[in-house]
C-alpha atoms as a PDB file:
ATOM      1  CA  MET A   1      58.085 -56.562 -41.273  1.00  0.00           C
ATOM      2  CA  ALA A   2      58.851 -53.167 -40.295  1.00  0.00           C
ATOM      3  CA  ALA A   3      56.555 -50.653 -39.192  1.00  0.00           C
ATOM      4  CA  PRO A   4      54.448 -48.882 -41.741  1.00  0.00           C
ATOM      5  CA  TRP A   5      55.609 -45.699 -41.294  1.00  0.00           C
ATOM      6  CA  GLY A   6      59.519 -46.703 -41.609  1.00  0.00           C
ATOM      7  CA  SER A   7      62.119 -45.232 -39.336  1.00  0.00           C
ATOM      8  CA  SER A   8      61.991 -41.043 -40.416  1.00  0.00           C
ATOM      9  CA  GLY A   9      61.504 -40.560 -36.477  1.00  0.00           C
ATOM     10  CA  SER A  10      65.264 -40.589 -36.508  1.00  0.00           C
ATOM     11  CA  ARG A  11      65.560 -37.211 -37.876  1.00  0.00           C
ATOM     12  CA  TRP A  12      64.521 -35.736 -34.567  1.00  0.00           C
ATOM     13  CA  SER A  13      66.981 -34.625 -31.953  1.00  0.00           C
ATOM     14  CA  LEU A  14      66.525 -35.831 -28.449  1.00  0.00           C
ATOM     15  CA  GLY A  15      65.875 -32.381 -27.164  1.00  0.00           C
ATOM     16  CA  ALA A  16      62.892 -32.115 -29.545  1.00  0.00           C
ATOM     17  CA  LEU A  17      61.893 -35.281 -28.583  1.00  0.00           C
ATOM     18  CA  LEU A  18      61.375 -34.806 -24.824  1.00  0.00           C
ATOM     19  CA  PHE A  19      59.522 -31.707 -25.379  1.00  0.00           C
ATOM     20  CA  VAL A  20      57.254 -33.231 -27.349  1.00  0.00           C
ATOM     21  CA  TRP A  21      56.774 -35.675 -24.756  1.00  0.00           C
ATOM     22  CA  GLY A  22      56.716 -33.197 -22.278  1.00  0.00           C
ATOM     23  CA  THR A  23      53.977 -31.075 -23.576  1.00  0.00           C
ATOM     24  CA  PHE A  24      51.737 -34.245 -24.461  1.00  0.00           C
ATOM     25  CA  LEU A  25      51.820 -36.215 -21.048  1.00  0.00           C
ATOM     26  CA  GLY A  26      51.726 -33.104 -19.115  1.00  0.00           C
ATOM     27  CA  ALA A  27      48.297 -32.489 -20.867  1.00  0.00           C
ATOM     28  CA  LEU A  28      46.867 -35.874 -19.413  1.00  0.00           C
ATOM     29  CA  PRO A  29      45.487 -36.022 -16.266  1.00  0.00           C
ATOM     30  CA  GLY A  30      45.751 -40.245 -15.987  1.00  0.00           C
ATOM     31  CA  GLU A  31      47.706 -42.587 -17.847  1.00  0.00           C
ATOM     32  CA  ALA A  32      48.973 -41.139 -21.274  1.00  0.00           C
ATOM     33  CA  THR A  33      48.494 -43.348 -24.828  1.00  0.00           C
ATOM     34  CA  ILE A  34      50.989 -41.132 -26.452  1.00  0.00           C
ATOM     35  CA  PHE A  35      53.886 -43.817 -27.500  1.00  0.00           C
ATOM     36  CA  PRO A  36      57.128 -43.650 -28.787  1.00  0.00           C
ATOM     37  CA  GLY A  37      57.372 -44.985 -32.473  1.00  0.00           C
ATOM     38  CA  PRO A  38      58.059 -46.559 -34.975  1.00  0.00           C
ATOM     39  CA  ALA A  39      56.384 -49.710 -33.671  1.00  0.00           C
ATOM     40  CA  GLU A  40      53.653 -52.421 -34.424  1.00  0.00           C
ATOM     41  CA  VAL A  41      52.905 -52.979 -30.611  1.00  0.00           C
ATOM     42  CA  VAL A  42      52.229 -50.182 -28.223  1.00  0.00           C
ATOM     43  CA  GLY A  43      51.744 -49.910 -24.777  1.00  0.00           C
ATOM     44  CA  ARG A  44      51.977 -52.059 -21.760  1.00  0.00           C
ATOM     45  CA  SER A  45      49.107 -54.528 -20.524  1.00  0.00           C
ATOM     46  CA  SER A  46      49.310 -54.623 -16.486  1.00  0.00           C
ATOM     47  CA  LEU A  47      47.065 -56.034 -13.241  1.00  0.00           C
ATOM     48  CA  GLN A  48      45.624 -54.380 -10.358  1.00  0.00           C
ATOM     49  CA  GLU A  49      43.440 -55.138  -7.623  1.00  0.00           C
ATOM     50  CA  ALA A  50      39.814 -54.217  -7.759  1.00  0.00           C
ATOM     51  CA  ARG A  51      38.518 -51.566  -5.008  1.00  0.00           C
ATOM     52  CA  GLY A  52      35.490 -51.300  -3.304  1.00  0.00           C
ATOM     53  CA  GLY A  53      33.112 -49.296  -4.649  1.00  0.00           C
ATOM     54  CA  GLU A  54      35.144 -48.467  -8.209  1.00  0.00           C
ATOM     55  CA  SER A  55      33.552 -49.941 -11.069  1.00  0.00           C
ATOM     56  CA  LEU A  56      35.289 -51.146 -14.420  1.00  0.00           C
ATOM     57  CA  ILE A  57      34.141 -47.925 -16.122  1.00  0.00           C
ATOM     58  CA  GLU A  58      36.312 -45.873 -13.553  1.00  0.00           C
ATOM     59  CA  VAL A  59      39.182 -48.261 -14.265  1.00  0.00           C
ATOM     60  CA  ALA A  60      38.914 -47.941 -17.769  1.00  0.00           C
ATOM     61  CA  ARG A  61      39.008 -44.294 -17.799  1.00  0.00           C
ATOM     62  CA  THR A  62      41.750 -43.825 -15.036  1.00  0.00           C
ATOM     63  CA  HIS A  63      43.613 -45.765 -17.705  1.00  0.00           C
ATOM     64  CA  ASP A  64      42.420 -44.659 -20.883  1.00  0.00           C
ATOM     65  CA  LEU A  65      40.696 -47.078 -22.283  1.00  0.00           C
ATOM     66  CA  GLY A  66      37.577 -47.954 -23.390  1.00  0.00           C
ATOM     67  CA  PHE A  67      34.633 -49.617 -21.584  1.00  0.00           C
ATOM     68  CA  ASN A  68      34.704 -52.561 -24.419  1.00  0.00           C
ATOM     69  CA  GLU A  69      38.478 -52.968 -23.784  1.00  0.00           C
ATOM     70  CA  ILE A  70      38.241 -53.260 -20.134  1.00  0.00           C
ATOM     71  CA  ALA A  71      35.108 -55.776 -20.264  1.00  0.00           C
ATOM     72  CA  ALA A  72      36.564 -57.945 -22.975  1.00  0.00           C
ATOM     73  CA  ALA A  73      39.695 -58.178 -20.702  1.00  0.00           C
ATOM     74  CA  ASN A  74      37.819 -59.020 -17.721  1.00  0.00           C
ATOM     75  CA  PRO A  75      35.029 -61.616 -18.795  1.00  0.00           C
ATOM     76  CA  GLY A  76      34.455 -62.842 -15.255  1.00  0.00           C
ATOM     77  CA  LEU A  77      34.116 -59.805 -13.635  1.00  0.00           C
ATOM     78  CA  ASP A  78      30.490 -57.524 -12.825  1.00  0.00           C
ATOM     79  CA  PRO A  79      31.543 -54.775 -14.660  1.00  0.00           C
ATOM     80  CA  PHE A  80      29.941 -52.518 -12.573  1.00  0.00           C
ATOM     81  CA  ALA A  81      30.440 -54.203  -9.085  1.00  0.00           C
ATOM     82  CA  PRO A  82      33.690 -56.355  -9.165  1.00  0.00           C
ATOM     83  CA  PRO A  83      34.225 -57.521  -5.654  1.00  0.00           C
ATOM     84  CA  ALA A  84      36.978 -55.601  -4.177  1.00  0.00           C
ATOM     85  CA  GLY A  85      40.657 -57.218  -3.884  1.00  0.00           C
ATOM     86  CA  SER A  86      40.087 -59.341  -7.285  1.00  0.00           C
ATOM     87  CA  PRO A  87      42.499 -59.431 -10.152  1.00  0.00           C
ATOM     88  CA  VAL A  88      41.831 -56.717 -12.639  1.00  0.00           C
ATOM     89  CA  ALA A  89      43.762 -57.189 -16.198  1.00  0.00           C
ATOM     90  CA  ILE A  90      44.378 -53.619 -17.431  1.00  0.00           C
ATOM     91  CA  PRO A  91      44.890 -53.967 -21.501  1.00  0.00           C
ATOM     92  CA  GLY A  92      46.996 -51.381 -22.264  1.00  0.00           C
ATOM     93  CA  ALA A  93      49.103 -52.852 -25.033  1.00  0.00           C
ATOM     94  CA  HIS A  94      47.457 -52.800 -28.242  1.00  0.00           C
ATOM     95  CA  VAL A  95      48.908 -53.890 -32.088  1.00  0.00           C
ATOM     96  CA  VAL A  96      49.094 -51.158 -34.498  1.00  0.00           C
ATOM     97  CA  PRO A  97      46.188 -51.599 -36.991  1.00  0.00           C
ATOM     98  CA  ALA A  98      47.928 -51.930 -40.346  1.00  0.00           C
ATOM     99  CA  ALA A  99      45.735 -49.203 -42.110  1.00  0.00           C
ATOM    100  CA  VAL A 100      47.835 -46.570 -39.795  1.00  0.00           C
ATOM    101  CA  THR A 101      50.192 -44.682 -42.571  1.00  0.00           C
ATOM    102  CA  PRO A 102      51.855 -41.258 -41.348  1.00  0.00           C
ATOM    103  CA  GLY A 103      49.636 -38.494 -41.450  1.00  0.00           C
ATOM    104  CA  GLN A 104      46.227 -40.318 -41.319  1.00  0.00           C
ATOM    105  CA  LEU A 105      44.126 -40.501 -38.374  1.00  0.00           C
ATOM    106  CA  VAL A 106      42.406 -44.132 -38.364  1.00  0.00           C
ATOM    107  CA  VAL A 107      39.633 -45.354 -36.497  1.00  0.00           C
ATOM    108  CA  ASN A 108      39.154 -49.400 -36.018  1.00  0.00           C
ATOM    109  CA  LEU A 109      35.469 -49.458 -35.397  1.00  0.00           C
ATOM    110  CA  SER A 110      36.318 -53.170 -34.864  1.00  0.00           C
ATOM    111  CA  GLU A 111      37.850 -52.053 -31.330  1.00  0.00           C
ATOM    112  CA  LEU A 112      36.692 -48.670 -30.966  1.00  0.00           C
ATOM    113  CA  ARG A 113      40.155 -47.140 -31.085  1.00  0.00           C
ATOM    114  CA  LEU A 114      41.344 -44.542 -32.716  1.00  0.00           C
ATOM    115  CA  TYR A 115      45.005 -44.074 -34.094  1.00  0.00           C
ATOM    116  CA  PHE A 116      47.321 -41.551 -35.222  1.00  0.00           C
ATOM    117  CA  VAL A 117      50.792 -40.623 -36.332  1.00  0.00           C
ATOM    118  CA  PRO A 118      51.610 -37.415 -37.528  1.00  0.00           C
ATOM    119  CA  SER A 119      53.693 -36.610 -40.121  1.00  0.00           C
ATOM    120  CA  GLY A 120      56.814 -35.064 -40.873  1.00  0.00           C
ATOM    121  CA  GLY A 121      59.246 -37.690 -38.965  1.00  0.00           C
ATOM    122  CA  THR A 122      57.290 -37.324 -35.852  1.00  0.00           C
ATOM    123  CA  PRO A 123      57.892 -40.615 -33.682  1.00  0.00           C
ATOM    124  CA  LEU A 124      54.995 -40.464 -31.903  1.00  0.00           C
ATOM    125  CA  ILE A 125      52.057 -43.241 -32.230  1.00  0.00           C
ATOM    126  CA  ALA A 126      48.922 -41.845 -30.262  1.00  0.00           C
ATOM    127  CA  SER A 127      46.052 -43.834 -29.183  1.00  0.00           C
ATOM    128  CA  PHE A 128      42.875 -43.248 -27.615  1.00  0.00           C
ATOM    129  CA  PRO A 129      39.411 -45.309 -26.936  1.00  0.00           C
ATOM    130  CA  VAL A 130      36.628 -43.753 -29.110  1.00  0.00           C
ATOM    131  CA  GLY A 131      32.739 -44.407 -28.722  1.00  0.00           C
ATOM    132  CA  THR A 132      30.649 -44.721 -32.273  1.00  0.00           C
ATOM    133  CA  GLY A 133      27.542 -45.328 -33.611  1.00  0.00           C
ATOM    134  CA  SER A 134      24.729 -47.094 -32.049  1.00  0.00           C
ATOM    135  CA  GLU A 135      22.795 -50.303 -34.554  1.00  0.00           C
ATOM    136  CA  GLY A 136      21.102 -47.970 -37.550  1.00  0.00           C
ATOM    137  CA  LYS A 137      23.222 -44.956 -37.091  1.00  0.00           C
ATOM    138  CA  GLU A 138      26.438 -46.613 -37.415  1.00  0.00           C
ATOM    139  CA  THR A 139      29.780 -44.777 -37.815  1.00  0.00           C
ATOM    140  CA  PRO A 140      30.635 -44.887 -41.764  1.00  0.00           C
ATOM    141  CA  LEU A 141      33.261 -46.594 -43.390  1.00  0.00           C
ATOM    142  CA  GLY A 142      35.539 -45.060 -45.958  1.00  0.00           C
ATOM    143  CA  ILE A 143      38.249 -41.906 -46.139  1.00  0.00           C
ATOM    144  CA  TYR A 144      37.432 -38.541 -45.196  1.00  0.00           C
ATOM    145  CA  ARG A 145      39.071 -35.302 -44.456  1.00  0.00           C
ATOM    146  CA  VAL A 146      39.048 -32.820 -41.574  1.00  0.00           C
ATOM    147  CA  THR A 147      37.559 -29.785 -42.847  1.00  0.00           C
ATOM    148  CA  GLU A 148      37.113 -27.882 -39.490  1.00  0.00           C
ATOM    149  CA  LYS A 149      38.839 -27.605 -36.525  1.00  0.00           C
ATOM    150  CA  ARG A 150      36.624 -25.689 -33.460  1.00  0.00           C
ATOM    151  CA  ALA A 151      37.326 -25.192 -30.038  1.00  0.00           C
ATOM    152  CA  ASN A 152      33.989 -24.787 -27.571  1.00  0.00           C
ATOM    153  CA  PRO A 153      31.904 -25.718 -30.439  1.00  0.00           C
ATOM    154  CA  ALA A 154      28.006 -25.081 -30.358  1.00  0.00           C
ATOM    155  CA  TRP A 155      25.689 -27.830 -31.536  1.00  0.00           C
ATOM    156  CA  HIS A 156      23.286 -27.420 -34.110  1.00  0.00           C
ATOM    157  CA  VAL A 157      20.866 -30.107 -33.503  1.00  0.00           C
ATOM    158  CA  PRO A 158      20.534 -32.109 -36.794  1.00  0.00           C
ATOM    159  CA  LEU A 159      16.174 -32.459 -37.441  1.00  0.00           C
ATOM    160  CA  SER A 160      16.670 -36.352 -36.816  1.00  0.00           C
ATOM    161  CA  ILE A 161      17.787 -35.500 -33.362  1.00  0.00           C
ATOM    162  CA  ARG A 162      15.444 -33.188 -32.753  1.00  0.00           C
ATOM    163  CA  ARG A 163      12.693 -35.225 -34.067  1.00  0.00           C
ATOM    164  CA  ASP A 164      13.217 -37.915 -31.511  1.00  0.00           C
ATOM    165  CA  LYS A 165      14.011 -35.108 -28.950  1.00  0.00           C
ATOM    166  CA  PRO A 166      11.670 -32.230 -29.979  1.00  0.00           C
ATOM    167  CA  ARG A 167      12.336 -30.460 -26.780  1.00  0.00           C
ATOM    168  CA  LEU A 168      15.957 -30.067 -27.568  1.00  0.00           C
ATOM    169  CA  PRO A 169      16.824 -26.534 -28.896  1.00  0.00           C
ATOM    170  CA  ALA A 170      17.882 -25.970 -32.480  1.00  0.00           C
ATOM    171  CA  VAL A 171      21.358 -24.626 -31.504  1.00  0.00           C
ATOM    172  CA  VAL A 172      22.951 -26.079 -27.488  1.00  0.00           C
ATOM    173  CA  PRO A 173      25.805 -23.450 -26.721  1.00  0.00           C
ATOM    174  CA  PRO A 174      29.196 -24.284 -25.349  1.00  0.00           C
ATOM    175  CA  GLY A 175      29.114 -25.533 -21.680  1.00  0.00           C
ATOM    176  CA  PRO A 176      28.456 -29.094 -19.400  1.00  0.00           C
ATOM    177  CA  ASP A 177      25.301 -29.771 -21.412  1.00  0.00           C
ATOM    178  CA  ASN A 178      26.839 -29.591 -24.921  1.00  0.00           C
ATOM    179  CA  PRO A 179      27.595 -33.259 -26.279  1.00  0.00           C
ATOM    180  CA  LEU A 180      30.387 -32.320 -28.329  1.00  0.00           C
ATOM    181  CA  GLY A 181      32.508 -31.653 -25.343  1.00  0.00           C
ATOM    182  CA  SER A 182      35.275 -28.755 -25.880  1.00  0.00           C
ATOM    183  CA  HIS A 183      36.275 -29.503 -29.108  1.00  0.00           C
ATOM    184  CA  ALA A 184      35.247 -30.506 -32.096  1.00  0.00           C
ATOM    185  CA  LEU A 185      36.948 -31.888 -35.957  1.00  0.00           C
ATOM    186  CA  ARG A 186      33.974 -31.587 -38.741  1.00  0.00           C
ATOM    187  CA  LEU A 187      34.822 -34.393 -41.551  1.00  0.00           C
ATOM    188  CA  THR A 188      33.673 -34.416 -45.219  1.00  0.00           C
ATOM    189  CA  VAL A 189      30.338 -36.374 -44.511  1.00  0.00           C
ATOM    190  CA  ASP A 190      27.925 -33.944 -43.549  1.00  0.00           C
ATOM    191  CA  GLY A 191      27.332 -34.063 -39.723  1.00  0.00           C
ATOM    192  CA  LEU A 192      30.181 -36.615 -39.146  1.00  0.00           C
ATOM    193  CA  MET A 193      32.699 -35.143 -36.500  1.00  0.00           C
ATOM    194  CA  ILE A 194      35.317 -36.140 -34.324  1.00  0.00           C
ATOM    195  CA  HIS A 195      34.358 -34.566 -31.186  1.00  0.00           C
ATOM    196  CA  GLY A 196      34.886 -34.844 -26.951  1.00  0.00           C
ATOM    197  CA  THR A 197      31.670 -35.657 -24.543  1.00  0.00           C
ATOM    198  CA  ASN A 198      29.725 -34.871 -21.353  1.00  0.00           C
ATOM    199  CA  ARG A 199      29.000 -38.349 -21.325  1.00  0.00           C
ATOM    200  CA  PRO A 200      32.344 -40.301 -20.737  1.00  0.00           C
ATOM    201  CA  TRP A 201      30.814 -43.178 -19.888  1.00  0.00           C
ATOM    202  CA  GLY A 202      29.821 -43.813 -23.770  1.00  0.00           C
ATOM    203  CA  VAL A 203      33.325 -44.109 -24.319  1.00  0.00           C
ATOM    204  CA  GLY A 204      33.799 -47.688 -25.337  1.00  0.00           C
ATOM    205  CA  ARG A 205      30.369 -48.250 -26.301  1.00  0.00           C
ATOM    206  CA  ALA A 206      28.575 -47.787 -29.609  1.00  0.00           C
ATOM    207  CA  VAL A 207      25.772 -45.030 -28.545  1.00  0.00           C
ATOM    208  CA  SER A 208      25.923 -42.026 -30.522  1.00  0.00           C
ATOM    209  CA  HIS A 209      24.236 -40.696 -33.671  1.00  0.00           C
ATOM    210  CA  GLY A 210      27.406 -41.963 -36.031  1.00  0.00           C
ATOM    211  CA  CYS A 211      30.336 -39.264 -34.751  1.00  0.00           C
ATOM    212  CA  ILE A 212      33.182 -40.289 -32.992  1.00  0.00           C
ATOM    213  CA  ARG A 213      33.696 -39.145 -29.448  1.00  0.00           C
ATOM    214  CA  LEU A 214      36.346 -39.027 -27.010  1.00  0.00           C
ATOM    215  CA  TYR A 215      37.365 -38.819 -23.243  1.00  0.00           C
ATOM    216  CA  PRO A 216      37.156 -35.244 -22.200  1.00  0.00           C
ATOM    217  CA  GLU A 217      40.707 -35.573 -21.653  1.00  0.00           C
ATOM    218  CA  ASP A 218      42.038 -37.019 -24.654  1.00  0.00           C
ATOM    219  CA  ILE A 219      40.136 -34.615 -27.068  1.00  0.00           C
ATOM    220  CA  PRO A 220      42.385 -31.529 -26.315  1.00  0.00           C
ATOM    221  CA  ILE A 221      45.420 -33.482 -27.099  1.00  0.00           C
ATOM    222  CA  LEU A 222      44.268 -34.687 -30.528  1.00  0.00           C
ATOM    223  CA  PHE A 223      42.683 -31.649 -31.099  1.00  0.00           C
ATOM    224  CA  ARG A 224      46.622 -30.073 -31.153  1.00  0.00           C
ATOM    225  CA  LEU A 225      47.878 -33.123 -33.191  1.00  0.00           C
ATOM    226  CA  VAL A 226      45.477 -33.019 -36.229  1.00  0.00           C
ATOM    227  CA  SER A 227      45.730 -30.143 -38.839  1.00  0.00           C
ATOM    228  CA  LEU A 228      42.849 -28.805 -41.141  1.00  0.00           C
ATOM    229  CA  GLY A 229      43.066 -31.519 -44.413  1.00  0.00           C
ATOM    230  CA  THR A 230      44.096 -34.717 -42.385  1.00  0.00           C
ATOM    231  CA  PRO A 231      42.262 -38.033 -44.085  1.00  0.00           C
ATOM    232  CA  VAL A 232      40.694 -40.296 -42.034  1.00  0.00           C
ATOM    233  CA  ALA A 233      40.475 -43.681 -42.317  1.00  0.00           C
ATOM    234  CA  ILE A 234      37.525 -45.223 -40.588  1.00  0.00           C
ATOM    235  CA  VAL A 235      38.376 -49.244 -41.116  1.00  0.00           C
ATOM    236  CA  ARG A 236      37.333 -52.364 -39.366  1.00  0.00           C
ATOM    237  CA  GLU A 237      39.891 -54.665 -38.277  1.00  0.00           C
ATOM    238  CA  PRO A 238      39.300 -57.091 -36.014  1.00  0.00           C
ATOM    239  CA  VAL A 239      42.376 -58.737 -36.525  1.00  0.00           C
ATOM    240  CA  LYS A 240      45.636 -57.682 -36.270  1.00  0.00           C
ATOM    241  CA  VAL A 241      48.986 -59.295 -36.134  1.00  0.00           C
ATOM    242  CA  GLY A 242      52.186 -57.676 -35.312  1.00  0.00           C
ATOM    243  CA  SER A 243      55.734 -58.047 -33.548  1.00  0.00           C
ATOM    244  CA  GLN A 244      57.511 -57.533 -30.880  1.00  0.00           C
ATOM    245  CA  ASP A 245      60.950 -58.036 -29.353  1.00  0.00           C
ATOM    246  CA  GLY A 246      61.102 -60.648 -32.086  1.00  0.00           C
ATOM    247  CA  ARG A 247      57.711 -62.648 -31.026  1.00  0.00           C
ATOM    248  CA  LEU A 248      54.719 -63.009 -33.008  1.00  0.00           C
ATOM    249  CA  LEU A 249      51.361 -61.210 -31.690  1.00  0.00           C
ATOM    250  CA  ILE A 250      47.842 -61.362 -32.297  1.00  0.00           C
ATOM    251  CA  GLU A 251      45.156 -59.227 -31.598  1.00  0.00           C
ATOM    252  CA  VAL A 252      41.404 -60.199 -32.130  1.00  0.00           C
ATOM    253  CA  HIS A 253      38.406 -58.158 -31.275  1.00  0.00           C
ATOM    254  CA  ARG A 254      34.671 -59.559 -31.411  1.00  0.00           C
ATOM    255  CA  ASP A 255      32.789 -57.730 -33.698  1.00  0.00           C
ATOM    256  CA  ASP A 256      29.485 -58.746 -35.322  1.00  0.00           C
ATOM    257  CA  GLY A 257      29.484 -56.272 -38.153  1.00  0.00           C
ATOM    258  CA  ALA A 258      33.010 -57.109 -39.701  1.00  0.00           C
ATOM    259  CA  GLU A 259      31.351 -60.210 -41.796  1.00  0.00           C
ATOM    260  CA  ILE A 260      34.806 -61.916 -42.186  1.00  0.00           C
ATOM    261  CA  ASP A 261      36.177 -65.626 -41.277  1.00  0.00           C
ATOM    262  CA  TYR A 262      38.295 -64.791 -38.198  1.00  0.00           C
ATOM    263  CA  ALA A 263      40.500 -68.201 -38.726  1.00  0.00           C
ATOM    264  CA  ALA A 264      41.077 -66.769 -42.512  1.00  0.00           C
ATOM    265  CA  GLU A 265      41.793 -63.520 -41.848  1.00  0.00           C
ATOM    266  CA  ALA A 266      44.577 -64.143 -39.241  1.00  0.00           C
ATOM    267  CA  THR A 267      45.798 -67.099 -41.317  1.00  0.00           C
ATOM    268  CA  ARG A 268      46.143 -64.233 -44.581  1.00  0.00           C
ATOM    269  CA  LEU A 269      47.873 -61.730 -42.198  1.00  0.00           C
ATOM    270  CA  ILE A 270      50.176 -64.871 -40.957  1.00  0.00           C
ATOM    271  CA  LEU A 271      51.198 -65.569 -44.067  1.00  0.00           C
ATOM    272  CA  ALA A 272      51.761 -62.263 -45.556  1.00  0.00           C
ATOM    273  CA  ARG A 273      54.504 -61.969 -43.201  1.00  0.00           C
ATOM    274  CA  GLY A 274      55.755 -65.272 -43.840  1.00  0.00           C
ATOM    275  CA  ALA A 275      55.723 -66.522 -40.511  1.00  0.00           C
ATOM    276  CA  LEU A 276      53.268 -69.476 -40.359  1.00  0.00           C
ATOM    277  CA  ASP A 277      55.943 -71.631 -39.476  1.00  0.00           C
ATOM    278  CA  ARG A 278      56.728 -69.966 -36.239  1.00  0.00           C
ATOM    279  CA  VAL A 279      53.060 -70.369 -34.840  1.00  0.00           C
ATOM    280  CA  SER A 280      51.657 -72.362 -32.024  1.00  0.00           C
ATOM    281  CA  VAL A 281      48.142 -73.540 -33.626  1.00  0.00           C
ATOM    282  CA  THR A 282      47.249 -74.120 -30.073  1.00  0.00           C
ATOM    283  CA  ARG A 283      47.748 -70.145 -29.051  1.00  0.00           C
ATOM    284  CA  LEU A 284      46.160 -69.424 -32.326  1.00  0.00           C
ATOM    285  CA  LEU A 285      43.255 -71.225 -31.596  1.00  0.00           C
ATOM    286  CA  ARG A 286      42.342 -70.145 -28.247  1.00  0.00           C
ATOM    287  CA  ALA A 287      43.067 -66.615 -29.265  1.00  0.00           C
ATOM    288  CA  LEU A 288      40.840 -66.546 -31.880  1.00  0.00           C
ATOM    289  CA  ALA A 289      38.189 -68.300 -29.406  1.00  0.00           C
ATOM    290  CA  GLU A 290      38.312 -66.023 -26.951  1.00  0.00           C
ATOM    291  CA  LYS A 291      38.358 -62.845 -28.722  1.00  0.00           C
ATOM    292  CA  ARG A 292      39.898 -60.792 -25.492  1.00  0.00           C
ATOM    293  CA  GLY A 293      41.003 -58.081 -27.575  1.00  0.00           C
ATOM    294  CA  VAL A 294      44.710 -58.270 -26.096  1.00  0.00           C
ATOM    295  CA  PRO A 295      47.774 -58.994 -28.011  1.00  0.00           C
ATOM    296  CA  VAL A 296      48.580 -62.688 -27.398  1.00  0.00           C
ATOM    297  CA  ASP A 297      51.727 -64.272 -28.283  1.00  0.00           C
ATOM    298  CA  ILE A 298      51.492 -67.283 -30.801  1.00  0.00           C
ATOM    299  CA  ASP A 299      54.948 -67.917 -31.102  1.00  0.00           C
ATOM    300  CA  ARG A 300      56.371 -71.599 -30.798  1.00  0.00           C
END
């Protein structure tokens, strides 16, 4: 099965590709999540040793991962004080969601991660971890559009939040106390935004009032990539299937809000690719049971 946006990236010259890579990769202080495309699986997972005094929250940010990703990939480790020298899995590989198409930004609530393939043949796949809405203030599913882009935004505090926190001013100016961070993208639903944050520990968690937040180092890059009018699909894909180097991989995320039969969804996706006869049932069942949020080889 080909990647959903085909092979239009071949129109780009080597010089143009190197310029784009240099522009975006040079802007990242940590590990970039700007990948060459088209591809069904992007990134690379690895192992490292835990360093004394370093939490998995810090490790996650260094590798541009959300807290949920690093915690799910390391179920036996204390996320706040992992023993020095213990192996830490770095889940840097991701199966690209089926909803991803060129020119459409996709937020997969099941994995708390955002994907974007620029239109016009740009051979790039951008992917960033996100924080989303908490229980009772969930980020809404649906198709929206970017209606406004603002650098150094002021935060006009919604009345619902001011009722809970009456000490907040009506408007919080740009600066370190502004929860919108350095950049914001406003969507077609009133109050729904994709923005930075002054609380990076919330990336990879469901802790916002419904907005989608990115690390401070990621939001400027997304801001430059996305244009006004860009469609934004907010979806739930807890089960994703993709192919890499001729092998079939599945990625399963624990998502209590998805309300699906995981085994049935995996079977549906595999049947759609005509690949059921290739699958190792043992590997598939283990991936479905563990739900570690990392691509697992399920080929025989």
